Amino acid sequence: MWMCADEELDRLGHLKKLRRYAGASIGAVTASLLALGHSAESLHEELKTAPTMEAFLDAGCGVCSLIPNVISSLGWHPGKTAFDWYGSIIQTKLDNPDATFKDLYDKTGKELCIVVTNLSLKMEEYCHVKTTPNLPIRIAIRMSTSLPGVYYPFQKVTGERKDLYVDGGLICNYPVHCFDGWWLSMKPEDSFLKRMQPLTDVGRLMMKKERFGTFNEKTFGLIIFSDHDHHVLYANPDLIARPTVIPDTVLGRSYKKVMKEREDNIRRHTVVTEAMSQFLKVINDHNLDGNATINMSEFEQAITKTAEFTAAHSKALFGSHLSSPGEIFSALDVNDDGEIDYHEMMAMAESRGAGIESQIIGAGWTSINKPQNIIDCVFRTLLMNVKRAFLESDDNERTVMINTAYIKSMDVEAAPEDIEFLIEQGRESLLLFLRYLRKKQNVKKITVEECNTQLT
């Protein structure tokens, strides 16, 4: 999906000027290919000739090996096919399948950062020429793409200690911050020998704000989101390319159906939310004793003695079958103690589709009744929340927001028309970002020399 933006960067002549790359999970593959010197066209060709998804899932005996492999190796598939493929594309550029981060830096001058999750330490690690100069790049990619449960976790043995590494996106799916601060800086004054002093204060020195605290204005990143999760991420609306035509494909038709249902739900939600807002206002205005609950007398005055809460509001909230204040009060007073509290009112709001937490804090309700629903929701939950955790407010101004609209991260059966749609969305998103920068900086030309790019 990043290819669409990379193609436009290449066309504009900017791609060859980038010197530092970072990525996590599948973004580690794209970042590595670009750092190795691939143009957008050769990157596309490399990915087209990659092994199929079936080949990447390389466990013998199919589903019969699932339980035995998970028990013995803590994952289903060995990941050897992917590991060998990573080695082949690295060998093409660096003449060695096990070329290291230092080999890449010495030969090309480019820095590559691959974020991995050290499951044993329960933290993310940044593989880079400064932190892991002698680590083969393909091992770092293998670590960062080790989807928990799907692939064997990568095991790194040091003496008697064994560390297990899994998907970098588990903790840090969008490493736009990794070239901030001094942690990956190659400047002499930022060497570990000078920075990691005193060691007695290592706890503070290793905090994210200490290592990555200084904002790097030369960095920009690319992040992918769909209409299924866009409202969870704060984004500048000026940076989001709105899709115009949705392809007539299986995924596209399914999306149109879902969006029609969502629009209907939004209309109903708007009506109910307005009614709920007025209800809470008049209830609060008539809470004469100022405590946390409402009694029947206060409730009746709020419902009948004000013009702010209308019959239409009452019907939207309570339906036509509850008309008198007494009936409504009894329905709300779930514990039958003669008073209504906040939780009872919120329970009613949830039942009518105006829940505050689920609509604003969460990402909307999903029916989960099949194994694939569980898998999809688990990974969407992880992706959305790690993006929220690592996205600072300033990061939005340096992020190309690629709106895939109806295509989610787990949609692997995309039709050619869907791929064309993605390419166009990526192109439009990048151009929108560059135009925004030009307007913001009030300059005639966008300069990206020495820029860093992060992929998620």
Protein backbone atom coordinates (compact mmCIF):
# COMPACT_ATOMS: atom_id res chain seq x y z
CA MET A 1 0.00 0.00 0.00
CA TRP A 2 2.94 2.35 0.56
CA MET A 3 4.03 1.71 -3.01
CA CYS A 4 1.43 4.15 -4.30
CA ALA A 5 3.04 7.06 -2.44
CA ASP A 6 6.57 5.84 -3.21
CA GLU A 7 5.74 5.89 -6.92
CA GLU A 8 4.75 9.55 -6.74
CA LEU A 9 7.83 10.43 -4.67
CA ASP A 10 9.97 8.78 -7.32
CA ARG A 11 8.19 10.58 -10.16
CA LEU A 12 8.81 13.92 -8.47
CA GLY A 13 12.50 13.07 -8.03
CA HIS A 14 12.39 13.03 -4.23
CA LEU A 15 12.81 9.32 -3.50
CA LYS A 16 16.50 9.20 -4.42
CA LYS A 17 17.22 12.08 -2.03
CA LEU A 18 16.04 10.27 1.10
CA ARG A 19 18.83 9.04 3.36
CA ARG A 20 17.13 7.49 6.40
CA TYR A 21 14.33 4.94 6.46
CA ALA A 22 12.38 3.20 9.18
CA GLY A 23 9.56 0.69 9.34
CA ALA A 24 7.86 -1.86 11.54
CA SER A 25 6.00 -5.06 10.71
CA ILE A 26 5.33 -5.25 6.95
CA GLY A 27 6.56 -1.65 6.72
CA ALA A 28 10.02 -2.99 7.57
CA VAL A 29 10.07 -4.82 4.23
CA THR A 30 9.21 -1.70 2.21
CA ALA A 31 11.63 0.47 4.20
CA SER A 32 14.41 -2.06 3.62
CA LEU A 33 13.78 -2.26 -0.13
CA LEU A 34 13.90 1.52 -0.42
CA ALA A 35 17.01 1.80 1.74
CA LEU A 36 18.69 -0.80 -0.47
CA GLY A 37 18.25 1.58 -3.39
CA HIS A 38 15.18 0.32 -5.19
CA SER A 39 13.25 2.77 -7.31
CA ALA A 40 9.48 2.65 -7.08
CA GLU A 41 9.35 0.63 -10.31
CA SER A 42 11.94 -1.94 -9.24
CA LEU A 43 10.30 -2.17 -5.81
CA HIS A 44 7.01 -3.01 -7.51
CA GLU A 45 8.69 -5.66 -9.65
CA GLU A 46 10.42 -7.17 -6.63
CA LEU A 47 7.14 -7.47 -4.78
CA LYS A 48 5.33 -8.85 -7.82
CA THR A 49 7.84 -11.69 -8.09
CA ALA A 50 7.81 -12.41 -4.36
CA PRO A 51 6.57 -15.81 -3.17
CA THR A 52 2.81 -16.14 -2.84
CA MET A 53 1.00 -15.83 0.47
CA GLU A 54 0.54 -19.61 0.45
CA ALA A 55 4.31 -20.04 0.10
CA PHE A 56 5.02 -17.64 2.98
CA LEU A 57 2.75 -19.77 5.18
CA ASP A 58 5.27 -22.60 5.03
CA ALA A 59 4.29 -25.04 7.76
CA GLY A 60 4.18 -28.65 6.60
CA CYS A 61 0.95 -30.67 6.85
CA GLY A 62 -1.24 -27.56 6.68
CA VAL A 63 -3.67 -27.00 9.52
CA CYS A 64 -2.71 -30.35 11.09
CA SER A 65 0.61 -28.79 12.15
CA LEU A 66 -0.99 -25.81 13.93
CA ILE A 67 -1.26 -27.21 17.45
CA PRO A 68 2.00 -29.24 17.43
CA ASN A 69 3.99 -26.28 16.06
CA VAL A 70 2.49 -23.77 18.48
CA ILE A 71 3.29 -26.10 21.39
CA SER A 72 6.84 -26.87 20.27
CA SER A 73 7.87 -23.60 18.59
CA LEU A 74 5.34 -21.04 19.89
CA GLY A 75 4.03 -20.35 16.39
CA TRP A 76 2.49 -22.07 13.41
CA HIS A 77 4.79 -21.31 10.45
CA PRO A 78 8.63 -21.42 10.46
CA GLY A 79 8.96 -18.34 8.24
CA LYS A 80 11.90 -19.83 6.33
CA THR A 81 10.44 -18.93 2.93
CA ALA A 82 10.19 -15.28 3.95
CA PHE A 83 13.67 -15.35 5.52
CA ASP A 84 15.22 -16.78 2.33
CA TRP A 85 13.39 -14.20 0.21
CA TYR A 86 14.65 -11.35 2.37
CA GLY A 87 18.16 -12.71 1.90
CA SER A 88 17.80 -12.89 -1.88
CA ILE A 89 16.71 -9.26 -2.28
CA ILE A 90 19.49 -8.08 0.05
CA GLN A 91 22.09 -10.11 -1.84
CA THR A 92 21.03 -8.48 -5.11
CA LYS A 93 22.01 -5.05 -3.77
CA LEU A 94 24.75 -5.79 -1.21
CA ASP A 95 26.24 -9.06 -2.58
CA ASN A 96 25.55 -10.89 0.67
CA PRO A 97 22.22 -12.27 1.95
CA ASP A 98 23.43 -11.66 5.50
CA ALA A 99 24.59 -8.09 4.93
CA THR A 100 24.37 -6.06 8.12
CA PHE A 101 23.12 -2.59 8.96
CA LYS A 102 26.76 -1.47 8.95
CA ASP A 103 27.33 -2.99 5.51
CA LEU A 104 24.40 -0.98 4.17
CA TYR A 105 25.63 2.22 5.80
CA ASP A 106 29.24 1.78 4.64
CA LYS A 107 28.24 1.01 1.04
CA THR A 108 25.39 3.48 0.53
CA GLY A 109 25.55 6.00 3.37
CA LYS A 110 21.91 5.23 4.13
CA GLU A 111 20.50 4.47 7.55
CA LEU A 112 17.79 1.88 8.07
CA CYS A 113 15.85 1.39 11.29
CA ILE A 114 13.68 -1.68 11.81
CA VAL A 115 11.55 -1.74 14.94
CA VAL A 116 11.11 -5.12 16.62
CA THR A 117 9.35 -6.28 19.76
CA ASN A 118 11.47 -8.05 22.36
CA LEU A 119 8.81 -10.21 23.93
CA SER A 120 11.13 -11.35 26.70
CA LEU A 121 11.80 -7.75 27.77
CA LYS A 122 8.28 -6.60 26.82
CA MET A 123 9.61 -3.56 24.94
CA GLU A 124 10.40 -2.33 21.45
CA GLU A 125 13.97 -2.25 20.14
CA TYR A 126 15.37 -0.17 17.29
CA CYS A 127 17.67 -2.13 14.95
CA HIS A 128 19.99 0.38 13.27
CA VAL A 129 23.63 0.86 12.33
CA LYS A 130 24.18 2.62 15.66
CA THR A 131 22.41 0.11 17.92
CA THR A 132 22.91 -3.19 16.06
CA PRO A 133 25.67 -2.60 13.47
CA ASN A 134 26.54 -6.28 13.05
CA LEU A 135 23.00 -7.66 12.90
CA PRO A 136 22.03 -9.05 9.47
CA ILE A 137 19.22 -6.96 8.03
CA ARG A 138 17.16 -10.00 7.11
CA ILE A 139 17.16 -11.17 10.72
CA ALA A 140 15.73 -7.81 11.80
CA ILE A 141 13.05 -8.02 9.09
CA ARG A 142 12.24 -11.58 10.16
CA MET A 143 11.87 -10.38 13.76
CA SER A 144 9.68 -7.43 12.84
CA THR A 145 7.34 -9.47 10.64
CA SER A 146 6.88 -12.37 13.06
CA LEU A 147 3.14 -12.13 13.53
CA PRO A 148 2.44 -13.69 16.95
CA GLY A 149 0.91 -17.12 16.62
CA VAL A 150 1.24 -17.13 12.84
CA TYR A 151 5.05 -17.38 12.71
CA TYR A 152 7.64 -18.80 15.05
CA PRO A 153 9.02 -15.98 17.19
CA PHE A 154 12.67 -15.31 16.37
CA GLN A 155 14.99 -16.58 19.08
CA LYS A 156 18.21 -14.74 19.89
CA VAL A 157 20.55 -16.59 22.22
CA THR A 158 23.19 -14.69 24.20
CA GLY A 159 25.09 -16.96 26.54
CA GLU A 160 22.50 -18.68 28.68
CA ARG A 161 19.86 -16.09 27.90
CA LYS A 162 17.27 -16.51 25.14
CA ASP A 163 15.24 -13.54 23.93
CA LEU A 164 12.12 -13.98 21.80
CA TYR A 165 11.30 -11.38 19.15
CA VAL A 166 7.95 -10.83 17.41
CA ASP A 167 6.20 -8.30 15.19
CA GLY A 168 7.50 -4.75 15.74
CA GLY A 169 4.00 -3.42 15.18
CA LEU A 170 2.85 -5.11 18.37
CA ILE A 171 4.22 -2.14 20.34
CA CYS A 172 5.27 0.46 17.77
CA ASN A 173 3.41 0.27 14.48
CA TYR A 174 4.32 3.76 13.31
CA PRO A 175 7.94 4.70 14.16
CA VAL A 176 7.80 8.28 12.89
CA HIS A 177 9.63 9.36 16.05
CA CYS A 178 12.67 7.11 15.68
CA PHE A 179 14.93 9.77 14.13
CA ASP A 180 13.92 12.36 16.71
CA GLY A 181 16.33 13.05 19.56
CA TRP A 182 19.77 11.50 19.91
CA TRP A 183 19.16 7.75 20.19
CA LEU A 184 19.80 6.97 16.50
CA SER A 185 21.85 10.08 15.75
CA MET A 186 25.23 9.33 14.16
CA LYS A 187 26.75 12.60 15.35
CA PRO A 188 29.90 12.13 17.50
CA GLU A 189 28.39 14.15 20.35
CA ASP A 190 25.45 11.71 20.44
CA SER A 191 27.51 8.54 20.89
CA PHE A 192 26.31 6.10 23.54
CA LEU A 193 29.58 6.59 25.39
CA LYS A 194 28.82 10.28 25.84
CA ARG A 195 25.06 10.10 26.21
CA MET A 196 24.64 7.12 28.54
CA GLN A 197 26.10 8.88 31.55
CA PRO A 198 25.74 8.27 34.42
CA LEU A 199 24.75 4.61 34.20
CA THR A 200 23.23 4.85 37.65
CA ASP A 201 20.52 6.96 36.01
CA VAL A 202 19.88 4.51 33.17
CA GLY A 203 16.16 4.25 33.97
CA ARG A 204 15.60 7.91 33.15
CA LEU A 205 18.03 7.88 30.21
CA MET A 206 16.11 5.05 28.53
CA MET A 207 12.74 6.79 28.70
CA LYS A 208 11.23 7.60 25.30
CA LYS A 209 11.10 11.34 25.96
CA GLU A 210 14.80 11.32 26.90
CA ARG A 211 15.96 9.37 23.84
CA PHE A 212 13.57 10.81 21.25
CA GLY A 213 12.58 14.12 22.84
CA THR A 214 13.90 16.57 20.22
CA PHE A 215 11.54 16.91 17.25
CA ASN A 216 13.18 16.31 13.85
CA GLU A 217 11.53 18.56 11.27
CA LYS A 218 13.14 16.65 8.38
CA THR A 219 11.15 13.51 9.10
CA PHE A 220 7.91 12.54 7.42
CA GLY A 221 5.97 9.31 7.61
CA LEU A 222 3.26 7.40 5.82
CA ILE A 223 0.37 5.88 7.72
CA ILE A 224 -2.48 3.80 6.36
CA PHE A 225 -6.02 3.83 7.71
CA SER A 226 -9.47 2.89 6.49
CA ASP A 227 -12.91 4.33 7.11
CA HIS A 228 -13.34 1.52 9.63
CA ASP A 229 -10.89 3.14 12.06
CA HIS A 230 -10.12 6.71 10.89
CA HIS A 231 -11.98 8.47 13.71
CA VAL A 232 -9.74 6.83 16.32
CA LEU A 233 -6.75 8.76 14.96
CA TYR A 234 -6.76 12.52 15.23
CA ALA A 235 -5.89 13.90 11.81
CA ASN A 236 -5.80 17.27 10.14
CA PRO A 237 -8.70 17.12 7.63
CA ASP A 238 -6.56 19.11 5.17
CA LEU A 239 -4.26 16.08 4.91
CA ILE A 240 -6.85 13.42 4.11
CA ALA A 241 -7.58 12.55 0.48
CA ARG A 242 -11.26 11.72 0.18
CA PRO A 243 -12.03 8.91 -2.29
CA THR A 244 -14.26 9.86 -5.20
CA VAL A 245 -15.24 6.63 -6.96
CA ILE A 246 -15.36 3.27 -5.17
CA PRO A 247 -14.62 0.37 -7.57
CA ASP A 248 -17.39 -2.12 -8.33
CA THR A 249 -15.58 -5.06 -6.72
CA VAL A 250 -16.51 -7.55 -4.01
CA LEU A 251 -14.79 -5.41 -1.38
CA GLY A 252 -16.17 -2.20 -2.88
CA ARG A 253 -19.77 -3.42 -2.94
CA SER A 254 -19.49 -4.71 0.61
CA TYR A 255 -18.14 -1.31 1.67
CA LYS A 256 -21.03 0.56 0.01
CA LYS A 257 -23.53 -1.62 1.85
CA VAL A 258 -21.77 -1.09 5.17
CA MET A 259 -21.49 2.66 4.60
CA LYS A 260 -25.20 2.96 3.81
CA GLU A 261 -26.00 1.18 7.07
CA ARG A 262 -23.50 3.41 8.86
CA GLU A 263 -25.03 6.58 7.42
CA ASP A 264 -28.47 5.44 8.59
CA ASN A 265 -27.02 4.71 12.02
CA ILE A 266 -25.30 8.09 12.12
CA ARG A 267 -28.57 9.86 11.36
CA ARG A 268 -30.32 7.94 14.13
CA HIS A 269 -27.37 8.51 16.45
CA THR A 270 -27.45 12.26 15.77
CA VAL A 271 -31.14 12.49 16.66
CA VAL A 272 -30.74 10.41 19.82
CA THR A 273 -27.58 12.25 20.88
CA GLU A 274 -29.31 15.62 20.54
CA ALA A 275 -32.21 14.33 22.61
CA MET A 276 -29.81 12.90 25.19
CA SER A 277 -27.94 16.22 25.41
CA GLN A 278 -31.17 18.12 26.08
CA PHE A 279 -32.28 15.48 28.57
CA LEU A 280 -29.04 15.72 30.56
CA LYS A 281 -29.22 19.52 30.49
CA VAL A 282 -32.75 19.78 31.88
CA ILE A 283 -32.04 17.04 34.42
CA ASN A 284 -29.00 18.93 35.65
CA ASP A 285 -30.92 22.23 35.73
CA HIS A 286 -33.62 20.65 37.92
CA ASN A 287 -31.26 18.78 40.23
CA LEU A 288 -32.29 21.05 43.10
CA ASP A 289 -30.23 19.46 45.87
CA GLY A 290 -27.11 19.30 43.67
CA ASN A 291 -26.27 15.68 44.46
CA ALA A 292 -25.32 12.88 42.04
CA THR A 293 -28.83 11.45 41.67
CA ILE A 294 -32.28 12.58 40.52
CA ASN A 295 -35.47 11.76 42.44
CA MET A 296 -38.98 11.45 41.01
CA SER A 297 -40.00 15.00 41.91
CA GLU A 298 -36.96 16.55 40.23
CA PHE A 299 -37.39 14.27 37.23
CA GLU A 300 -41.05 15.19 36.73
CA GLN A 301 -40.27 18.91 36.83
CA ALA A 302 -37.47 18.47 34.31
CA ILE A 303 -39.68 16.54 31.89
CA THR A 304 -42.91 18.51 32.13
CA LYS A 305 -41.98 22.05 33.18
CA THR A 306 -39.56 23.01 30.43
CA ALA A 307 -39.79 23.71 26.71
CA GLU A 308 -36.20 22.62 26.10
CA PHE A 309 -37.01 18.90 26.26
CA THR A 310 -39.73 18.37 23.67
CA ALA A 311 -42.08 15.51 22.87
CA ALA A 312 -39.86 14.69 19.89
CA HIS A 313 -36.85 14.42 22.20
CA SER A 314 -38.81 12.13 24.51
CA LYS A 315 -39.89 9.88 21.63
CA ALA A 316 -36.32 9.66 20.28
CA LEU A 317 -34.96 8.63 23.68
CA PHE A 318 -37.71 6.54 25.20
CA GLY A 319 -39.88 5.48 22.28
CA SER A 320 -43.65 5.81 21.90
CA HIS A 321 -44.54 3.18 24.50
CA LEU A 322 -43.25 5.29 27.41
CA SER A 323 -45.16 8.54 27.64
CA SER A 324 -45.74 9.59 31.25
CA PRO A 325 -42.91 10.81 33.51
CA GLY A 326 -43.70 7.97 35.93
CA GLU A 327 -43.29 5.29 33.25
CA ILE A 328 -40.03 6.80 32.02
CA PHE A 329 -38.66 7.17 35.54
CA SER A 330 -39.49 3.53 36.38
CA ALA A 331 -37.78 2.33 33.20
CA LEU A 332 -34.63 4.30 34.04
CA ASP A 333 -34.57 3.35 37.73
CA VAL A 334 -33.03 -0.08 37.11
CA ASN A 335 -32.15 -0.84 40.73
CA ASP A 336 -35.56 0.42 41.91
CA ASP A 337 -34.17 2.67 44.65
CA GLY A 338 -36.33 5.69 43.79
CA GLU A 339 -33.43 7.64 42.28
CA ILE A 340 -31.66 7.79 38.92
CA ASP A 341 -27.87 8.06 38.75
CA TYR A 342 -25.40 8.72 35.93
CA HIS A 343 -24.77 5.03 35.20
CA GLU A 344 -28.47 4.32 34.78
CA MET A 345 -28.78 7.19 32.32
CA MET A 346 -25.69 6.01 30.39
CA ALA A 347 -27.10 2.48 30.26
CA MET A 348 -30.19 3.93 28.61
CA ALA A 349 -28.01 5.93 26.21
CA GLU A 350 -26.10 2.79 25.21
CA SER A 351 -29.33 0.92 24.58
CA ARG A 352 -30.50 3.72 22.28
CA GLY A 353 -27.19 3.97 20.41
CA ALA A 354 -25.88 7.18 21.97
CA GLY A 355 -23.17 5.69 24.14
CA ILE A 356 -20.36 8.13 24.85
CA GLU A 357 -17.53 5.65 25.34
CA SER A 358 -18.32 3.31 22.45
CA GLN A 359 -18.94 6.12 19.97
CA ILE A 360 -16.11 8.48 20.87
CA ILE A 361 -13.41 6.53 22.68
CA GLY A 362 -13.79 3.22 20.86
CA ALA A 363 -13.92 2.39 17.17
CA GLY A 364 -17.52 1.33 16.85
CA TRP A 365 -19.19 -1.99 17.47
CA THR A 366 -18.36 -5.12 15.47
CA SER A 367 -20.26 -8.40 15.47
CA ILE A 368 -17.88 -11.21 16.45
CA ASN A 369 -19.26 -14.67 15.77
CA LYS A 370 -16.61 -16.39 13.65
CA PRO A 371 -12.92 -17.26 14.22
CA GLN A 372 -11.87 -14.88 11.45
CA ASN A 373 -13.85 -12.09 13.16
CA ILE A 374 -11.82 -12.61 16.32
CA ILE A 375 -8.50 -12.59 14.45
CA ASP A 376 -9.47 -9.50 12.46
CA CYS A 377 -10.64 -7.60 15.55
CA VAL A 378 -7.57 -8.56 17.60
CA PHE A 379 -5.19 -7.16 15.00
CA ARG A 380 -7.32 -4.09 14.29
CA THR A 381 -7.41 -3.41 18.04
CA LEU A 382 -3.63 -3.71 18.26
CA LEU A 383 -3.00 -1.57 15.19
CA MET A 384 -5.35 1.23 16.19
CA ASN A 385 -4.16 1.46 19.76
CA VAL A 386 -0.42 1.34 19.06
CA LYS A 387 -0.93 4.07 16.47
CA ARG A 388 -2.71 6.17 19.07
CA ALA A 389 -0.02 5.44 21.65
CA PHE A 390 2.90 6.57 19.48
CA LEU A 391 1.25 9.39 17.53
CA GLU A 392 1.99 12.72 19.18
CA SER A 393 0.02 15.82 18.21
CA ASP A 394 2.93 17.23 16.17
CA ASP A 395 3.24 13.97 14.22
CA ASN A 396 0.07 14.71 12.28
CA GLU A 397 1.81 17.61 10.57
CA ARG A 398 4.54 15.30 9.24
CA THR A 399 2.37 12.35 8.26
CA VAL A 400 1.03 11.39 4.85
CA MET A 401 -2.41 10.03 5.75
CA ILE A 402 -3.26 7.36 3.17
CA ASN A 403 -6.98 6.73 3.33
CA THR A 404 -7.65 3.24 1.94
CA ALA A 405 -11.40 3.80 2.54
CA TYR A 406 -12.80 0.28 2.40
CA ILE A 407 -9.63 -1.85 2.32
CA LYS A 408 -8.48 -3.06 5.73
CA SER A 409 -5.07 -4.44 6.66
CA MET A 410 -6.37 -8.02 6.66
CA ASP A 411 -8.00 -7.79 3.20
CA VAL A 412 -5.55 -9.91 1.21
CA GLU A 413 -7.98 -10.84 -1.60
CA ALA A 414 -8.05 -7.44 -3.27
CA ALA A 415 -9.02 -7.28 -6.95
CA PRO A 416 -6.85 -5.43 -9.53
CA GLU A 417 -9.34 -2.54 -9.43
CA ASP A 418 -8.86 -2.35 -5.66
CA ILE A 419 -5.09 -2.14 -6.12
CA GLU A 420 -5.52 0.67 -8.67
CA PHE A 421 -7.73 2.46 -6.16
CA LEU A 422 -4.99 2.14 -3.51
CA ILE A 423 -2.36 3.50 -5.88
CA GLU A 424 -4.50 6.52 -6.70
CA GLN A 425 -5.27 7.15 -3.02
CA GLY A 426 -1.58 7.03 -2.16
CA ARG A 427 -0.69 9.39 -4.97
CA GLU A 428 -3.38 11.88 -4.01
CA SER A 429 -2.47 11.66 -0.32
CA LEU A 430 1.18 12.44 -1.00
CA LEU A 431 0.39 15.36 -3.30
CA LEU A 432 -2.04 16.72 -0.74
CA PHE A 433 0.69 16.49 1.91
CA LEU A 434 3.25 18.29 -0.28
CA ARG A 435 0.76 21.02 -1.19
CA TYR A 436 -0.05 21.45 2.48
CA LEU A 437 3.64 21.83 3.34
CA ARG A 438 4.13 24.33 0.55
CA LYS A 439 1.23 26.41 1.80
CA LYS A 440 2.32 26.11 5.42
CA GLN A 441 5.94 27.03 4.77
CA ASN A 442 5.07 29.61 2.11
CA VAL A 443 7.86 28.46 -0.19
CA LYS A 444 7.89 27.80 -3.92
CA LYS A 445 9.48 24.37 -3.76
CA ILE A 446 9.35 21.48 -1.32
CA THR A 447 12.83 20.34 -0.41
CA VAL A 448 13.17 16.82 0.95
CA GLU A 449 16.93 16.40 0.81
CA GLU A 450 18.21 14.51 3.84
CA CYS A 451 14.64 13.68 4.81
CA ASN A 452 13.81 10.56 6.76
CA THR A 453 10.80 8.41 5.98
CA GLN A 454 8.88 6.00 8.20
CA LEU A 455 6.46 3.37 6.99
CA THR A 456 3.60 1.68 8.77
